[in-house]
Protein backbone atom coordinates (compact mmCIF):
# COMPACT_ATOMS: atom_id res chain seq x y z
CA MET A 1 -0.03 0.00 0.00
CA LYS A 2 1.30 3.43 -0.88
CA LEU A 3 1.36 5.93 1.93
CA SER A 4 0.28 9.38 1.04
CA ARG A 5 2.20 12.34 2.46
CA PHE A 6 0.86 15.66 3.10
CA LEU A 7 1.89 18.93 4.76
CA VAL A 8 0.40 20.06 8.14
CA GLY A 9 -2.42 22.63 7.26
CA ASP A 10 -3.24 21.04 3.86
CA THR A 11 -6.73 20.14 3.11
CA ILE A 12 -7.29 16.52 1.64
CA ARG A 13 -10.48 15.40 -0.14
CA VAL A 14 -11.73 11.97 0.83
CA THR A 15 -13.96 10.41 -2.01
CA TRP A 16 -16.50 7.54 -2.32
CA ILE A 17 -18.02 6.47 -5.56
CA ASN A 18 -21.16 4.36 -5.90
CA SER A 19 -22.95 3.03 -8.95
CA ASN A 20 -26.67 2.51 -9.11
CA VAL A 21 -27.16 2.69 -5.37
CA ILE A 22 -27.59 5.47 -2.84
CA PRO A 23 -26.22 4.88 0.61
CA SER A 24 -28.47 5.67 3.53
CA VAL A 25 -25.59 6.69 5.69
CA LEU A 26 -22.21 7.83 4.48
CA PHE A 27 -19.46 9.43 6.67
CA ALA A 28 -15.74 9.93 7.05
CA SER A 29 -13.61 9.84 10.22
CA VAL A 30 -10.01 10.73 10.74
CA TYR A 31 -8.04 9.10 13.54
CA ASP A 32 -4.56 9.80 14.75
CA GLY A 33 -1.77 7.14 15.13
CA ASN A 34 -3.34 6.11 18.53
CA GLU A 35 -6.72 5.68 16.82
CA ILE A 36 -8.03 8.78 18.63
CA LEU A 37 -10.74 10.54 16.64
CA VAL A 38 -9.63 13.99 15.40
CA ASP A 39 -12.32 14.77 12.95
CA SER A 40 -15.51 13.48 11.41
CA GLY A 41 -18.52 14.32 9.24
CA THR A 42 -21.02 13.33 6.73
CA MET A 43 -19.82 13.09 3.19
CA THR A 44 -21.43 15.51 0.57
CA SER A 45 -22.87 14.24 -2.62
CA SER A 46 -21.58 16.08 -5.79
CA GLY A 47 -23.92 14.13 -8.05
CA ASN A 48 -23.93 10.94 -10.09
CA GLY A 49 -22.79 8.72 -7.27
CA TYR A 50 -19.77 10.78 -6.27
CA TYR A 51 -19.38 11.85 -2.70
CA PHE A 52 -16.58 13.76 -0.92
CA TYR A 53 -15.45 15.06 2.67
CA ASP A 54 -12.95 17.78 2.92
CA HIS A 55 -10.38 17.51 5.97
CA THR A 56 -7.72 19.90 6.95
CA ILE A 57 -4.82 18.19 8.49
CA VAL A 58 -4.18 19.26 12.08
CA ASN A 59 -1.02 21.00 13.26
CA THR A 60 0.52 17.82 14.65
CA PRO A 61 2.91 15.76 12.35
CA GLY A 62 2.44 12.05 12.40
CA PHE A 63 0.49 9.14 11.00
CA TYR A 64 -3.37 9.25 10.47
CA VAL A 65 -6.09 7.16 9.05
CA VAL A 66 -9.08 8.26 7.15
CA GLU A 67 -12.07 5.78 7.58
CA THR A 68 -15.07 5.94 5.23
CA ARG A 69 -18.19 4.00 6.21
CA ALA A 70 -21.31 3.49 4.02
CA THR A 71 -24.48 1.77 4.81
CA ILE A 72 -26.29 0.36 1.70
CA ALA A 73 -29.31 -1.90 1.90
CA SER A 74 -28.54 -2.52 5.64
CA MET A 75 -24.93 -3.57 4.80
CA LEU A 76 -22.02 -1.70 6.18
CA TYR A 77 -19.03 -1.02 3.95
CA LYS A 78 -15.79 0.37 5.28
CA ARG A 79 -12.60 1.64 3.79
CA ARG A 80 -9.38 2.88 5.61
CA VAL A 81 -6.52 4.69 4.08
CA LYS A 82 -3.35 5.81 6.03
CA PHE A 83 -1.35 9.07 5.46
CA GLN A 84 1.39 10.87 6.99
CA ALA A 85 1.37 14.54 7.96
CA SER A 86 4.75 16.46 7.98
CA LEU A 87 6.04 19.89 8.87
CA ILE A 88 8.33 19.92 5.72
CA GLN A 89 7.85 19.16 2.06
CA VAL A 90 8.10 15.33 1.68
CA ASP A 91 8.13 14.78 -2.03
């Protein structure tokens, strides 16, 4: 798995794409390296099955996880993606 890297203060966009179904619940949560919740919210529909959630990375460098959860026809779907926040350019 590729680890995405961002600068502290950057805003990242978390996305979810559905085809032919509409989730009854769809939200994103951001956890720090200790699995402590630092941000969460409902994802926004931008039409045609595309959803997004914008998160501004907190002022603490470290490793984080974005978790998206969708409920579709009483089934729970979950995706987790790790990223690293840094104080300096990491390219």
